[in-house]
Amino acid sequence: MLTARVRPFLGNFMSRVFTGKKHIMLPVFGRLEKLTYRSTGVDPDEESNWKSYTFSLLMFNLIGFVFVFLIQLFQAHLPLNPA
């Protein structure tokens, strides 16, 4: 029952976010989004093709794999280790 009541508001919010219109969270996260785009060199108006998407996906997974591997490798030396 709660889902039926929330659905119009959530649908309207998601529609505004995905179409780029003003929404309630824009003042909060708008600056952070622009800063992230600027620091990573991403043009938010440019479409991504399958080659750049695949490269980005593989690099993200590689960086995540290396990060988790390093955490596990140095787990004994990290702070808050109960052992």
PDB file of N, CA and C in Angstrom:
ATOM      1  N   MET A   1       0.814  -1.182   0.000  1.00  0.00           N
ATOM      2  CA  MET A   1       0.000   0.000   0.000  1.00  0.00           C
ATOM      3  C   MET A   1       0.868   1.261   0.000  1.00  0.00           C
ATOM      4  N   LEU A   2       1.962   1.220   0.746  1.00  0.00           N
ATOM      5  CA  LEU A   2       2.862   2.366   0.793  1.00  0.00           C
ATOM      6  C   LEU A   2       3.470   2.626  -0.581  1.00  0.00           C
ATOM      7  N   THR A   3       3.767   1.557  -1.304  1.00  0.00           N
ATOM      8  CA  THR A   3       4.358   1.714  -2.628  1.00  0.00           C
ATOM      9  C   THR A   3       3.415   2.455  -3.567  1.00  0.00           C
ATOM     10  N   ALA A   4       2.147   2.177  -3.484  1.00  0.00           N
ATOM     11  CA  ALA A   4       1.172   2.853  -4.351  1.00  0.00           C
ATOM     12  C   ALA A   4       1.080   4.337  -4.032  1.00  0.00           C
ATOM     13  N   ARG A   5       1.304   4.716  -2.781  1.00  0.00           N
ATOM     14  CA  ARG A   5       1.238   6.125  -2.409  1.00  0.00           C
ATOM     15  C   ARG A   5       2.498   6.884  -2.801  1.00  0.00           C
ATOM     16  N   VAL A   6       3.624   6.213  -2.753  1.00  0.00           N
ATOM     17  CA  VAL A   6       4.907   6.855  -3.026  1.00  0.00           C
ATOM     18  C   VAL A   6       5.209   6.906  -4.519  1.00  0.00           C
ATOM     19  N   ARG A   7       4.631   6.008  -5.273  1.00  0.00           N
ATOM     20  CA  ARG A   7       4.942   5.867  -6.687  1.00  0.00           C
ATOM     21  C   ARG A   7       4.846   7.156  -7.498  1.00  0.00           C
ATOM     22  N   PRO A   8       3.806   7.973  -7.391  1.00  0.00           N
ATOM     23  CA  PRO A   8       3.763   9.201  -8.207  1.00  0.00           C
ATOM     24  C   PRO A   8       4.891  10.175  -7.879  1.00  0.00           C
ATOM     25  N   PHE A   9       5.215  10.316  -6.600  1.00  0.00           N
ATOM     26  CA  PHE A   9       6.263  11.246  -6.202  1.00  0.00           C
ATOM     27  C   PHE A   9       7.642  10.745  -6.643  1.00  0.00           C
ATOM     28  N   LEU A  10       7.896   9.472  -6.428  1.00  0.00           N
ATOM     29  CA  LEU A  10       9.180   8.899  -6.823  1.00  0.00           C
ATOM     30  C   LEU A  10       9.325   8.885  -8.343  1.00  0.00           C
ATOM     31  N   GLY A  11       8.256   8.578  -9.059  1.00  0.00           N
ATOM     32  CA  GLY A  11       8.299   8.587 -10.518  1.00  0.00           C
ATOM     33  C   GLY A  11       8.563   9.978 -11.075  1.00  0.00           C
ATOM     34  N   ASN A  12       7.946  10.981 -10.487  1.00  0.00           N
ATOM     35  CA  ASN A  12       8.163  12.359 -10.913  1.00  0.00           C
ATOM     36  C   ASN A  12       9.603  12.779 -10.638  1.00  0.00           C
ATOM     37  N   PHE A  13      10.110  12.422  -9.461  1.00  0.00           N
ATOM     38  CA  PHE A  13      11.484  12.755  -9.116  1.00  0.00           C
ATOM     39  C   PHE A  13      12.470  12.090 -10.077  1.00  0.00           C
ATOM     40  N   MET A  14      12.276  10.803 -10.346  1.00  0.00           N
ATOM     41  CA  MET A  14      13.183  10.088 -11.248  1.00  0.00           C
ATOM     42  C   MET A  14      13.107  10.650 -12.658  1.00  0.00           C
ATOM     43  N   SER A  15      11.936  11.024 -13.094  1.00  0.00           N
ATOM     44  CA  SER A  15      11.783  11.624 -14.417  1.00  0.00           C
ATOM     45  C   SER A  15      12.559  12.926 -14.518  1.00  0.00           C
ATOM     46  N   ARG A  16      12.479  13.749 -13.491  1.00  0.00           N
ATOM     47  CA  ARG A  16      13.215  15.018 -13.488  1.00  0.00           C
ATOM     48  C   ARG A  16      14.720  14.795 -13.459  1.00  0.00           C
ATOM     49  N   VAL A  17      15.175  13.810 -12.696  1.00  0.00           N
ATOM     50  CA  VAL A  17      16.617  13.530 -12.626  1.00  0.00           C
ATOM     51  C   VAL A  17      17.131  13.061 -13.975  1.00  0.00           C
ATOM     52  N   PHE A  18      16.439  12.113 -14.599  1.00  0.00           N
ATOM     53  CA  PHE A  18      16.930  11.517 -15.838  1.00  0.00           C
ATOM     54  C   PHE A  18      16.804  12.439 -17.040  1.00  0.00           C
ATOM     55  N   THR A  19      15.907  13.412 -16.990  1.00  0.00           N
ATOM     56  CA  THR A  19      15.779  14.351 -18.107  1.00  0.00           C
ATOM     57  C   THR A  19      16.604  15.611 -17.900  1.00  0.00           C
ATOM     58  N   GLY A  20      17.204  15.778 -16.721  1.00  0.00           N
ATOM     59  CA  GLY A  20      18.066  16.925 -16.469  1.00  0.00           C
ATOM     60  C   GLY A  20      17.331  18.173 -16.021  1.00  0.00           C
ATOM     61  N   LYS A  21      16.085  18.046 -15.633  1.00  0.00           N
ATOM     62  CA  LYS A  21      15.317  19.197 -15.144  1.00  0.00           C
ATOM     63  C   LYS A  21      15.654  19.461 -13.680  1.00  0.00           C
ATOM     64  N   LYS A  22      15.223  20.620 -13.167  1.00  0.00           N
ATOM     65  CA  LYS A  22      15.453  20.945 -11.760  1.00  0.00           C
ATOM     66  C   LYS A  22      14.677  19.986 -10.872  1.00  0.00           C
ATOM     67  N   HIS A  23      15.343  19.530  -9.811  1.00  0.00           N
ATOM     68  CA  HIS A  23      14.694  18.678  -8.829  1.00  0.00           C
ATOM     69  C   HIS A  23      15.199  19.046  -7.446  1.00  0.00           C
ATOM     70  N   ILE A  24      14.652  18.433  -6.434  1.00  0.00           N
ATOM     71  CA  ILE A  24      14.911  18.838  -5.059  1.00  0.00           C
ATOM     72  C   ILE A  24      16.350  18.575  -4.609  1.00  0.00           C
ATOM     73  N   MET A  25      17.029  17.618  -5.177  1.00  0.00           N
ATOM     74  CA  MET A  25      18.386  17.273  -4.755  1.00  0.00           C
ATOM     75  C   MET A  25      19.464  18.003  -5.564  1.00  0.00           C
ATOM     76  N   LEU A  26      19.071  18.770  -6.554  1.00  0.00           N
ATOM     77  CA  LEU A  26      20.036  19.465  -7.395  1.00  0.00           C
ATOM     78  C   LEU A  26      20.912  20.443  -6.617  1.00  0.00           C
ATOM     79  N   PRO A  27      20.372  21.259  -5.705  1.00  0.00           N
ATOM     80  CA  PRO A  27      21.254  22.150  -4.945  1.00  0.00           C
ATOM     81  C   PRO A  27      22.246  21.394  -4.063  1.00  0.00           C
ATOM     82  N   VAL A  28      21.869  20.209  -3.616  1.00  0.00           N
ATOM     83  CA  VAL A  28      22.729  19.443  -2.723  1.00  0.00           C
ATOM     84  C   VAL A  28      23.847  18.755  -3.486  1.00  0.00           C
ATOM     85  N   PHE A  29      23.491  18.026  -4.548  1.00  0.00           N
ATOM     86  CA  PHE A  29      24.470  17.218  -5.259  1.00  0.00           C
ATOM     87  C   PHE A  29      24.901  17.793  -6.604  1.00  0.00           C
ATOM     88  N   GLY A  30      24.318  18.900  -7.029  1.00  0.00           N
ATOM     89  CA  GLY A  30      24.660  19.490  -8.322  1.00  0.00           C
ATOM     90  C   GLY A  30      26.107  19.931  -8.400  1.00  0.00           C
ATOM     91  N   ARG A  31      26.575  20.598  -7.363  1.00  0.00           N
ATOM     92  CA  ARG A  31      27.970  21.059  -7.344  1.00  0.00           C
ATOM     93  C   ARG A  31      28.935  19.895  -7.293  1.00  0.00           C
ATOM     94  N   LEU A  32      28.592  18.881  -6.505  1.00  0.00           N
ATOM     95  CA  LEU A  32      29.446  17.693  -6.417  1.00  0.00           C
ATOM     96  C   LEU A  32      29.533  16.979  -7.769  1.00  0.00           C
ATOM     97  N   GLU A  33      28.419  16.909  -8.469  1.00  0.00           N
ATOM     98  CA  GLU A  33      28.398  16.280  -9.781  1.00  0.00           C
ATOM     99  C   GLU A  33      29.261  17.058 -10.773  1.00  0.00           C
ATOM    100  N   LYS A  34      29.145  18.380 -10.779  1.00  0.00           N
ATOM    101  CA  LYS A  34      29.951  19.202 -11.683  1.00  0.00           C
ATOM    102  C   LYS A  34      31.431  19.095 -11.362  1.00  0.00           C
ATOM    103  N   LEU A  35      31.762  19.077 -10.073  1.00  0.00           N
ATOM    104  CA  LEU A  35      33.155  18.924  -9.656  1.00  0.00           C
ATOM    105  C   LEU A  35      33.709  17.570 -10.086  1.00  0.00           C
ATOM    106  N   THR A  36      32.916  16.533  -9.958  1.00  0.00           N
ATOM    107  CA  THR A  36      33.349  15.197 -10.374  1.00  0.00           C
ATOM    108  C   THR A  36      33.565  15.156 -11.878  1.00  0.00           C
ATOM    109  N   TYR A  37      32.652  15.719 -12.642  1.00  0.00           N
ATOM    110  CA  TYR A  37      32.815  15.753 -14.094  1.00  0.00           C
ATOM    111  C   TYR A  37      34.072  16.525 -14.490  1.00  0.00           C
ATOM    112  N   ARG A  38      34.288  17.665 -13.850  1.00  0.00           N
ATOM    113  CA  ARG A  38      35.439  18.494 -14.182  1.00  0.00           C
ATOM    114  C   ARG A  38      36.748  17.794 -13.827  1.00  0.00           C
ATOM    115  N   SER A  39      36.797  17.149 -12.650  1.00  0.00           N
ATOM    116  CA  SER A  39      38.042  16.505 -12.213  1.00  0.00           C
ATOM    117  C   SER A  39      38.367  15.249 -13.008  1.00  0.00           C
ATOM    118  N   THR A  40      37.365  14.560 -13.527  1.00  0.00           N
ATOM    119  CA  THR A  40      37.620  13.359 -14.317  1.00  0.00           C
ATOM    120  C   THR A  40      37.679  13.629 -15.816  1.00  0.00           C
ATOM    121  N   GLY A  41      37.345  14.852 -16.237  1.00  0.00           N
ATOM    122  CA  GLY A  41      37.425  15.197 -17.648  1.00  0.00           C
ATOM    123  C   GLY A  41      36.282  14.646 -18.476  1.00  0.00           C
ATOM    124  N   VAL A  42      35.124  14.467 -17.866  1.00  0.00           N
ATOM    125  CA  VAL A  42      33.962  13.915 -18.555  1.00  0.00           C
ATOM    126  C   VAL A  42      33.076  15.058 -19.036  1.00  0.00           C
ATOM    127  N   ASP A  43      32.639  14.963 -20.288  1.00  0.00           N
ATOM    128  CA  ASP A  43      31.678  15.925 -20.823  1.00  0.00           C
ATOM    129  C   ASP A  43      30.280  15.327 -20.625  1.00  0.00           C
ATOM    130  N   PRO A  44      29.441  15.919 -19.765  1.00  0.00           N
ATOM    131  CA  PRO A  44      28.136  15.321 -19.481  1.00  0.00           C
ATOM    132  C   PRO A  44      27.172  15.343 -20.669  1.00  0.00           C
ATOM    133  N   ASP A  45      27.450  16.168 -21.665  1.00  0.00           N
ATOM    134  CA  ASP A  45      26.563  16.239 -22.827  1.00  0.00           C
ATOM    135  C   ASP A  45      26.966  15.288 -23.944  1.00  0.00           C
ATOM    136  N   GLU A  46      28.103  14.632 -23.811  1.00  0.00           N
ATOM    137  CA  GLU A  46      28.607  13.747 -24.862  1.00  0.00           C
ATOM    138  C   GLU A  46      28.092  12.326 -24.648  1.00  0.00           C
ATOM    139  N   GLU A  47      27.616  11.717 -25.718  1.00  0.00           N
ATOM    140  CA  GLU A  47      27.157  10.333 -25.656  1.00  0.00           C
ATOM    141  C   GLU A  47      28.354   9.389 -25.616  1.00  0.00           C
ATOM    142  N   SER A  48      28.184   8.266 -24.977  1.00  0.00           N
ATOM    143  CA  SER A  48      29.243   7.263 -24.874  1.00  0.00           C
ATOM    144  C   SER A  48      28.971   6.145 -25.879  1.00  0.00           C
ATOM    145  N   ASN A  49      30.008   5.757 -26.622  1.00  0.00           N
ATOM    146  CA  ASN A  49      29.837   4.620 -27.525  1.00  0.00           C
ATOM    147  C   ASN A  49      30.234   3.340 -26.793  1.00  0.00           C
ATOM    148  N   TRP A  50      30.081   2.203 -27.444  1.00  0.00           N
ATOM    149  CA  TRP A  50      30.301   0.940 -26.771  1.00  0.00           C
ATOM    150  C   TRP A  50      31.771   0.718 -26.432  1.00  0.00           C
ATOM    151  N   LYS A  51      32.684   1.272 -27.228  1.00  0.00           N
ATOM    152  CA  LYS A  51      34.102   1.081 -26.958  1.00  0.00           C
ATOM    153  C   LYS A  51      34.547   1.849 -25.713  1.00  0.00           C
ATOM    154  N   SER A  52      34.129   3.089 -25.590  1.00  0.00           N
ATOM    155  CA  SER A  52      34.512   3.868 -24.407  1.00  0.00           C
ATOM    156  C   SER A  52      33.810   3.334 -23.158  1.00  0.00           C
ATOM    157  N   TYR A  53      32.578   2.863 -23.302  1.00  0.00           N
ATOM    158  CA  TYR A  53      31.871   2.286 -22.161  1.00  0.00           C
ATOM    159  C   TYR A  53      32.567   1.020 -21.682  1.00  0.00           C
ATOM    160  N   THR A  54      32.959   0.155 -22.622  1.00  0.00           N
ATOM    161  CA  THR A  54      33.642  -1.088 -22.267  1.00  0.00           C
ATOM    162  C   THR A  54      34.981  -0.799 -21.609  1.00  0.00           C
ATOM    163  N   PHE A  55      35.730   0.160 -22.143  1.00  0.00           N
ATOM    164  CA  PHE A  55      37.004   0.525 -21.545  1.00  0.00           C
ATOM    165  C   PHE A  55      36.813   1.052 -20.128  1.00  0.00           C
ATOM    166  N   SER A  56      35.838   1.918 -19.932  1.00  0.00           N
ATOM    167  CA  SER A  56      35.569   2.471 -18.602  1.00  0.00           C
ATOM    168  C   SER A  56      35.151   1.385 -17.623  1.00  0.00           C
ATOM    169  N   LEU A  57      34.321   0.467 -18.071  1.00  0.00           N
ATOM    170  CA  LEU A  57      33.870  -0.628 -17.216  1.00  0.00           C
ATOM    171  C   LEU A  57      35.035  -1.522 -16.810  1.00  0.00           C
ATOM    172  N   LEU A  58      35.902  -1.864 -17.752  1.00  0.00           N
ATOM    173  CA  LEU A  58      37.050  -2.715 -17.447  1.00  0.00           C
ATOM    174  C   LEU A  58      38.035  -2.006 -16.520  1.00  0.00           C
ATOM    175  N   MET A  59      38.270  -0.720 -16.735  1.00  0.00           N
ATOM    176  CA  MET A  59      39.184   0.014 -15.859  1.00  0.00           C
ATOM    177  C   MET A  59      38.612   0.137 -14.442  1.00  0.00           C
ATOM    178  N   PHE A  60      37.323   0.381 -14.329  1.00  0.00           N
ATOM    179  CA  PHE A  60      36.693   0.472 -13.015  1.00  0.00           C
ATOM    180  C   PHE A  60      36.825  -0.856 -12.274  1.00  0.00           C
ATOM    181  N   ASN A  61      36.582  -1.965 -12.963  1.00  0.00           N
ATOM    182  CA  ASN A  61      36.708  -3.278 -12.334  1.00  0.00           C
ATOM    183  C   ASN A  61      38.146  -3.601 -11.978  1.00  0.00           C
ATOM    184  N   LEU A  62      39.093  -3.194 -12.820  1.00  0.00           N
ATOM    185  CA  LEU A  62      40.503  -3.436 -12.528  1.00  0.00           C
ATOM    186  C   LEU A  62      40.940  -2.655 -11.291  1.00  0.00           C
ATOM    187  N   ILE A  63      40.557  -1.387 -11.220  1.00  0.00           N
ATOM    188  CA  ILE A  63      40.916  -0.575 -10.056  1.00  0.00           C
ATOM    189  C   ILE A  63      40.268  -1.149  -8.791  1.00  0.00           C
ATOM    190  N   GLY A  64      39.037  -1.564  -8.876  1.00  0.00           N
ATOM    191  CA  GLY A  64      38.365  -2.173  -7.725  1.00  0.00           C
ATOM    192  C   GLY A  64      39.027  -3.464  -7.297  1.00  0.00           C
ATOM    193  N   PHE A  65      39.426  -4.291  -8.264  1.00  0.00           N
ATOM    194  CA  PHE A  65      40.103  -5.550  -7.952  1.00  0.00           C
ATOM    195  C   PHE A  65      41.425  -5.290  -7.247  1.00  0.00           C
ATOM    196  N   VAL A  66      42.208  -4.354  -7.758  1.00  0.00           N
ATOM    197  CA  VAL A  66      43.503  -4.034  -7.145  1.00  0.00           C
ATOM    198  C   VAL A  66      43.299  -3.477  -5.741  1.00  0.00           C
ATOM    199  N   PHE A  67      42.307  -2.613  -5.553  1.00  0.00           N
ATOM    200  CA  PHE A  67      42.032  -2.037  -4.239  1.00  0.00           C
ATOM    201  C   PHE A  67      41.659  -3.121  -3.224  1.00  0.00           C
ATOM    202  N   VAL A  68      40.756  -4.021  -3.588  1.00  0.00           N
ATOM    203  CA  VAL A  68      40.349  -5.098  -2.677  1.00  0.00           C
ATOM    204  C   VAL A  68      41.509  -6.052  -2.430  1.00  0.00           C
ATOM    205  N   PHE A  69      42.313  -6.336  -3.443  1.00  0.00           N
ATOM    206  CA  PHE A  69      43.476  -7.203  -3.278  1.00  0.00           C
ATOM    207  C   PHE A  69      44.462  -6.600  -2.285  1.00  0.00           C
ATOM    208  N   LEU A  70      44.710  -5.296  -2.407  1.00  0.00           N
ATOM    209  CA  LEU A  70      45.636  -4.645  -1.486  1.00  0.00           C
ATOM    210  C   LEU A  70      45.087  -4.620  -0.057  1.00  0.00           C
ATOM    211  N   ILE A  71      43.801  -4.431   0.098  1.00  0.00           N
ATOM    212  CA  ILE A  71      43.204  -4.481   1.431  1.00  0.00           C
ATOM    213  C   ILE A  71      43.409  -5.856   2.054  1.00  0.00           C
ATOM    214  N   GLN A  72      43.178  -6.906   1.280  1.00  0.00           N
ATOM    215  CA  GLN A  72      43.352  -8.256   1.807  1.00  0.00           C
ATOM    216  C   GLN A  72      44.814  -8.583   2.052  1.00  0.00           C
ATOM    217  N   LEU A  73      45.685  -8.056   1.215  1.00  0.00           N
ATOM    218  CA  LEU A  73      47.111  -8.325   1.361  1.00  0.00           C
ATOM    219  C   LEU A  73      47.668  -7.692   2.633  1.00  0.00           C
ATOM    220  N   PHE A  74      47.253  -6.473   2.921  1.00  0.00           N
ATOM    221  CA  PHE A  74      47.764  -5.755   4.088  1.00  0.00           C
ATOM    222  C   PHE A  74      46.788  -5.758   5.260  1.00  0.00           C
ATOM    223  N   GLN A  75      45.882  -6.705   5.283  1.00  0.00           N
ATOM    224  CA  GLN A  75      44.843  -6.745   6.317  1.00  0.00           C
ATOM    225  C   GLN A  75      45.428  -6.870   7.720  1.00  0.00           C
ATOM    226  N   ALA A  76      46.508  -7.606   7.868  1.00  0.00           N
ATOM    227  CA  ALA A  76      47.102  -7.800   9.189  1.00  0.00           C
ATOM    228  C   ALA A  76      47.730  -6.514   9.719  1.00  0.00           C
ATOM    229  N   HIS A  77      48.083  -5.607   8.849  1.00  0.00           N
ATOM    230  CA  HIS A  77      48.766  -4.381   9.258  1.00  0.00           C
ATOM    231  C   HIS A  77      47.853  -3.152   9.307  1.00  0.00           C
ATOM    232  N   LEU A  78      46.609  -3.321   8.963  1.00  0.00           N
ATOM    233  CA  LEU A  78      45.680  -2.192   8.951  1.00  0.00           C
ATOM    234  C   LEU A  78      45.223  -1.858  10.358  1.00  0.00           C
ATOM    235  N   PRO A  79      44.841  -0.591  10.602  1.00  0.00           N
ATOM    236  CA  PRO A  79      44.366  -0.222  11.942  1.00  0.00           C
ATOM    237  C   PRO A  79      43.047  -0.921  12.279  1.00  0.00           C
ATOM    238  N   LEU A  80      42.760  -0.994  13.560  1.00  0.00           N
ATOM    239  CA  LEU A  80      41.560  -1.623  14.099  1.00  0.00           C
ATOM    240  C   LEU A  80      41.504  -3.133  13.843  1.00  0.00           C
ATOM    241  N   ASN A  81      42.663  -3.760  13.687  1.00  0.00           N
ATOM    242  CA  ASN A  81      42.738  -5.196  13.504  1.00  0.00           C
ATOM    243  C   ASN A  81      42.713  -5.854  14.875  1.00  0.00           C
ATOM    244  N   PRO A  82      41.705  -6.671  15.188  1.00  0.00           N
ATOM    245  CA  PRO A  82      41.634  -7.264  16.527  1.00  0.00           C
ATOM    246  C   PRO A  82      42.702  -8.326  16.770  1.00  0.00           C
ATOM    247  N   ALA A  83      43.281  -8.876  15.733  1.00  0.00           N
ATOM    248  CA  ALA A  83      44.301  -9.920  15.923  1.00  0.00           C
ATOM    249  C   ALA A  83      45.614  -9.253  16.244  1.00  0.00           C
TER     250      ALA A  83
END
